Amino acid sequence: MAEKILEIKHLKKSYGQNEVLKDISLSVEKGEVISIIGSSGSGKSTFLRSINLLETPTDGEILYRGQNVLDPDYDLTHYREKLGMVFQSFNLFENLNVLVVAQTTVLKRDRETAEKIAKANLEKVGMGEPYWAARPKQLSGGQKQRVAIARALSMDPDAILFDEPTSALDPEMVGEVLKIMQDLAKEGLTMIVVTHEMEFARDVSSRVIFMDKGVIAEQGDPKEIFTNPKEERTKEFLQRFLN
C-alpha cells in the first residue's frame, strides 16, 4: 500500500475579505512528483506556503503522517525538518557553513557528519569542491539554486516543496536546475512543485494539479491533462503551450 506523507483537508486561506484558497483537499504519497500549474494569482504559491506554514491557514487540516500539524500541541520543528523548501529567490547564505549549521543545530548531527552530508549533496547537484568556499555573490543564479536544493536535501526530508524554482533564472540556467529536479524525481524523492515550466510538468510529474481562483480546478495524470483536459479553464490555460 502506498505510504501517505501528507493529507490536506479543506484548507482555506483568507487575507481579510480576500479568500485566496477556497477549500482545498489533497493527499501526497511517497515518491510522487506533483506539479501545480495555473495563472498568476490562482493561489499556487499561497497553497505551497500554507503547506509548510510560512502562511498560517485560516481553516482546515494538514496531516503529516496522520497527525494534524495545526494542532497547538504539535511539534512544528519536526515537521519543518521533514519538509524541505526551495524558493524562487534562493534565500542563500554565506558559503558552506550554513549547510552544516542547520544540520548540527536542528538535527544535532556532529560537525564532521554534517560536513560530509553537505558535501555529498553539493556533489549530487553538480556543485563539487571548487564551489565549497564560494560566496553567493560569486555564483550564478542557477548555481545558487542548486546550492539551495543541496541545503534542502541535507536535512534528509520526506518531501521538498519547490516554489517556482526557475522563475528568477536566466533561460540557459533553467535547464540545469530542471535536470537536477528530474534526477531527484527518478531517485524517488517526493516533490511538490509550483511551476510555469510546462514540459517539466508534463514529462516529469506523476500528477498535475491545475489551480484557478483558489481551488483545484482539475488534477490527474500529466498526459491526460495535457492532451485531453476536461475543464474549459484548463484548456484555455494550456492553449498557448499546446499550440
Protein backbone atom coordinates (compact mmCIF):
# COMPACT_ATOMS: atom_id res chain seq x y z
CA MET A 1 0.00 0.00 0.00
CA ALA A 2 1.27 3.48 -0.85
CA GLU A 3 2.73 5.45 2.03
CA LYS A 4 0.82 8.69 2.61
CA ILE A 5 3.09 11.54 3.68
CA LEU A 6 0.69 14.47 3.63
CA GLU A 7 -3.05 14.83 3.68
CA ILE A 8 -4.53 18.29 3.28
CA LYS A 9 -8.21 18.62 4.18
CA HIS A 10 -10.47 21.60 3.38
CA LEU A 11 -7.61 24.10 3.52
CA LYS A 12 -8.60 27.76 3.36
CA LYS A 13 -6.61 30.97 3.50
CA SER A 14 -8.00 34.50 3.60
CA TYR A 15 -6.40 37.91 3.90
CA GLY A 16 -9.20 39.99 5.36
CA GLN A 17 -12.14 39.65 2.98
CA ASN A 18 -9.96 38.22 0.21
CA GLU A 19 -10.27 34.41 0.16
CA VAL A 20 -7.15 33.20 -1.67
CA LEU A 21 -7.58 29.46 -1.01
CA LYS A 22 -11.09 28.03 -1.04
CA ASP A 23 -11.48 24.57 0.44
CA ILE A 24 -8.51 22.62 -0.98
CA SER A 25 -8.05 18.92 -0.26
CA LEU A 26 -5.08 16.88 -1.47
CA SER A 27 -3.12 13.82 -0.40
CA VAL A 28 0.54 13.24 -1.24
CA GLU A 29 2.09 9.78 -1.35
CA LYS A 30 5.74 8.88 -1.02
CA GLY A 31 7.63 9.17 -4.31
CA GLU A 32 5.03 11.33 -6.04
CA VAL A 33 6.07 14.35 -8.09
CA ILE A 34 3.15 16.77 -8.11
CA SER A 35 3.31 19.82 -10.36
CA ILE A 36 0.97 22.69 -9.56
CA ILE A 37 0.21 24.89 -12.56
CA GLY A 38 -2.13 27.83 -13.14
CA SER A 39 -2.21 31.55 -13.87
CA SER A 40 -0.57 34.12 -11.62
CA GLY A 41 -2.92 34.89 -8.76
CA SER A 42 -4.56 31.46 -8.80
CA GLY A 43 -3.27 30.70 -5.28
CA LYS A 44 -0.46 28.27 -6.17
CA SER A 45 2.32 29.85 -4.10
CA THR A 46 -0.02 30.62 -1.20
CA PHE A 47 -1.04 26.97 -1.20
CA LEU A 48 2.59 25.80 -1.11
CA ARG A 49 3.50 28.30 1.61
CA SER A 50 0.46 27.21 3.61
CA ILE A 51 1.55 23.56 3.41
CA ASN A 52 4.78 24.31 5.23
CA LEU A 53 3.15 27.01 7.38
CA LEU A 54 5.05 30.03 6.10
CA GLU A 55 1.44 31.19 5.79
CA THR A 56 -0.98 30.18 8.55
CA PRO A 57 -4.12 28.62 7.05
CA THR A 58 -7.42 30.24 8.05
CA ASP A 59 -9.16 26.87 8.25
CA GLY A 60 -8.65 23.18 7.50
CA GLU A 61 -6.22 20.44 8.47
CA ILE A 62 -2.73 19.44 7.36
CA LEU A 63 -1.95 15.88 8.38
CA TYR A 64 1.70 14.82 8.28
CA ARG A 65 1.90 11.05 8.64
CA GLY A 66 -1.56 11.11 10.21
CA GLN A 67 -1.01 13.93 12.72
CA ASN A 68 -2.53 17.38 12.35
CA VAL A 69 0.36 19.87 12.31
CA LEU A 70 -2.08 22.73 13.01
CA ASP A 71 -2.84 21.23 16.41
CA PRO A 72 -1.44 23.69 19.04
CA ASP A 73 0.47 20.84 20.76
CA TYR A 74 2.19 19.58 17.59
CA ASP A 75 5.99 19.95 17.38
CA LEU A 76 6.38 22.14 14.30
CA THR A 77 10.17 21.93 14.33
CA HIS A 78 9.93 18.24 13.49
CA TYR A 79 7.50 18.94 10.64
CA ARG A 80 9.66 21.68 9.14
CA GLU A 81 12.75 19.47 9.30
CA LYS A 82 10.96 16.86 7.24
CA LEU A 83 9.57 19.24 4.62
CA GLY A 84 12.30 20.97 2.63
CA MET A 85 11.60 24.19 0.76
CA VAL A 86 13.31 25.69 -2.28
CA PHE A 87 12.31 29.29 -3.04
CA GLN A 88 12.41 31.25 -6.28
CA SER A 89 14.74 33.81 -4.71
CA PHE A 90 17.34 31.30 -3.37
CA ASN A 91 17.30 32.60 0.25
CA LEU A 92 21.00 31.79 0.44
CA PHE A 93 23.73 32.19 2.96
CA GLU A 94 27.44 32.80 3.03
CA ASN A 95 29.26 29.64 1.86
CA LEU A 96 29.17 26.02 3.03
CA ASN A 97 28.75 26.78 6.73
CA VAL A 98 25.00 27.12 6.64
CA LEU A 99 24.56 23.71 5.04
CA VAL A 100 26.39 22.42 8.09
CA VAL A 101 24.91 24.68 10.78
CA ALA A 102 21.30 23.73 10.00
CA GLN A 103 22.16 20.06 10.42
CA THR A 104 24.16 20.49 13.63
CA THR A 105 21.61 22.76 15.34
CA VAL A 106 18.36 21.22 14.13
CA LEU A 107 19.26 17.57 13.54
CA LYS A 108 22.00 17.52 16.21
CA ARG A 109 24.49 15.90 13.83
CA ASP A 110 28.15 16.24 14.72
CA ARG A 111 30.05 18.69 12.56
CA GLU A 112 32.07 16.06 10.70
CA THR A 113 28.95 14.11 9.70
CA ALA A 114 27.15 17.31 8.73
CA GLU A 115 30.02 18.45 6.51
CA LYS A 116 30.21 15.05 4.85
CA ILE A 117 26.47 15.09 4.08
CA ALA A 118 26.59 18.71 2.86
CA LYS A 119 29.48 17.95 0.51
CA ALA A 120 27.83 14.79 -0.82
CA ASN A 121 24.66 16.74 -1.62
CA LEU A 122 26.60 19.58 -3.23
CA GLU A 123 28.36 16.97 -5.41
CA LYS A 124 24.96 15.50 -6.27
CA VAL A 125 23.74 18.84 -7.64
CA GLY A 126 26.95 19.46 -9.58
CA MET A 127 28.50 21.88 -7.07
CA GLY A 128 31.67 19.98 -6.17
CA GLU A 129 34.81 21.09 -4.33
CA PRO A 130 35.77 24.25 -6.26
CA TYR A 131 32.50 25.82 -5.09
CA TRP A 132 32.61 24.90 -1.43
CA ALA A 133 34.34 28.11 -0.35
CA ALA A 134 32.50 30.36 -2.81
CA ARG A 135 30.31 33.22 -1.62
CA PRO A 136 26.82 33.54 -3.08
CA LYS A 137 27.80 36.72 -4.95
CA GLN A 138 30.37 34.65 -6.87
CA LEU A 139 27.71 32.18 -8.02
CA SER A 140 25.28 32.39 -10.92
CA GLY A 141 21.55 32.15 -10.30
CA GLY A 142 21.50 28.54 -11.44
CA GLN A 143 24.39 27.66 -9.12
CA LYS A 144 22.68 29.38 -6.18
CA GLN A 145 19.52 27.41 -6.81
CA ARG A 146 21.49 24.17 -6.96
CA VAL A 147 23.07 25.01 -3.59
CA ALA A 148 19.59 25.74 -2.22
CA ILE A 149 18.48 22.27 -3.37
CA ALA A 150 21.56 20.71 -1.72
CA ARG A 151 20.67 22.53 1.50
CA ALA A 152 17.14 21.10 1.44
CA LEU A 153 18.46 17.59 0.69
CA SER A 154 20.94 17.77 3.58
CA MET A 155 18.06 17.83 6.06
CA ASP A 156 17.04 14.36 4.82
CA PRO A 157 13.44 15.47 4.14
CA ASP A 158 10.38 13.34 3.45
CA ALA A 159 9.43 15.77 0.69
CA ILE A 160 10.68 19.01 -0.85
CA LEU A 161 8.41 21.88 -1.87
CA PHE A 162 9.64 23.96 -4.81
CA ASP A 163 8.10 27.41 -5.27
CA GLU A 164 8.73 28.38 -8.92
CA PRO A 165 12.40 27.37 -8.57
CA THR A 166 13.34 28.53 -12.08
CA SER A 167 11.41 31.80 -12.35
CA ALA A 168 14.32 34.02 -11.26
CA LEU A 169 16.84 32.30 -13.55
CA ASP A 170 18.23 33.22 -16.96
CA PRO A 171 16.84 30.92 -19.67
CA GLU A 172 20.10 28.98 -20.09
CA MET A 173 20.20 28.20 -16.37
CA VAL A 174 16.62 26.93 -16.20
CA GLY A 175 17.63 23.66 -17.88
CA GLU A 176 20.38 22.83 -15.40
CA VAL A 177 18.07 23.23 -12.40
CA LEU A 178 15.24 21.26 -14.04
CA LYS A 179 17.70 18.47 -14.89
CA ILE A 180 18.63 18.13 -11.19
CA MET A 181 14.97 18.06 -10.22
CA GLN A 182 14.35 15.40 -12.86
CA ASP A 183 17.21 13.29 -11.45
CA LEU A 184 15.81 13.64 -7.92
CA ALA A 185 12.38 12.56 -9.20
CA LYS A 186 13.97 9.44 -10.72
CA GLU A 187 15.54 8.68 -7.34
CA GLY A 188 12.06 8.68 -5.81
CA LEU A 189 12.18 11.98 -3.92
CA THR A 190 8.67 13.23 -3.09
CA MET A 191 8.27 16.69 -4.62
CA ILE A 192 5.52 19.31 -4.83
CA VAL A 193 6.47 21.86 -7.47
CA VAL A 194 4.75 25.14 -8.31
CA THR A 195 5.98 25.79 -11.84
CA HIS A 196 5.50 27.60 -15.13
CA GLU A 197 7.71 25.00 -16.87
CA MET A 198 5.03 23.05 -18.70
CA GLU A 199 7.40 20.48 -20.21
CA PHE A 200 8.62 19.59 -16.74
CA ALA A 201 5.03 19.31 -15.50
CA ARG A 202 4.10 17.10 -18.44
CA ASP A 203 7.20 14.89 -18.63
CA VAL A 204 8.45 14.55 -15.04
CA SER A 205 5.35 14.72 -12.82
CA SER A 206 3.33 11.77 -11.67
CA ARG A 207 0.36 14.12 -11.19
CA VAL A 208 -0.55 17.60 -12.39
CA ILE A 209 -2.82 19.96 -10.46
CA PHE A 210 -4.35 22.94 -12.23
CA MET A 211 -5.36 25.71 -9.84
CA ASP A 212 -7.75 28.50 -10.72
CA LYS A 213 -9.20 31.21 -8.46
CA GLY A 214 -8.11 29.49 -5.25
CA VAL A 215 -9.41 26.00 -5.99
CA ILE A 216 -8.07 22.84 -7.61
CA ALA A 217 -9.99 23.09 -10.88
CA GLU A 218 -8.59 19.85 -12.30
CA GLN A 219 -5.98 17.23 -11.47
CA GLY A 220 -4.80 13.97 -12.91
CA ASP A 221 -2.27 12.12 -15.00
CA PRO A 222 0.01 14.61 -16.82
CA LYS A 223 -0.56 13.10 -20.26
CA GLU A 224 -4.31 13.19 -19.72
CA ILE A 225 -4.28 16.81 -18.51
CA PHE A 226 -2.05 17.96 -21.36
CA THR A 227 -3.74 16.06 -24.19
CA ASN A 228 -7.33 15.92 -23.01
CA PRO A 229 -8.14 18.45 -20.26
CA LYS A 230 -11.73 18.15 -19.07
CA GLU A 231 -12.29 21.68 -17.77
CA GLU A 232 -12.70 24.63 -20.13
CA ARG A 233 -10.48 26.80 -17.91
CA THR A 234 -7.66 24.22 -18.08
CA LYS A 235 -7.98 24.11 -21.87
CA GLU A 236 -7.72 27.89 -22.07
CA PHE A 237 -4.68 27.98 -19.79
CA LEU A 238 -2.87 25.23 -21.73
CA GLN A 239 -3.83 26.58 -25.15
CA ARG A 240 -0.65 28.64 -25.55
CA PHE A 241 1.56 25.72 -24.54
CA LEU A 242 -0.29 23.17 -26.67
CA ASN A 243 0.00 25.39 -29.72
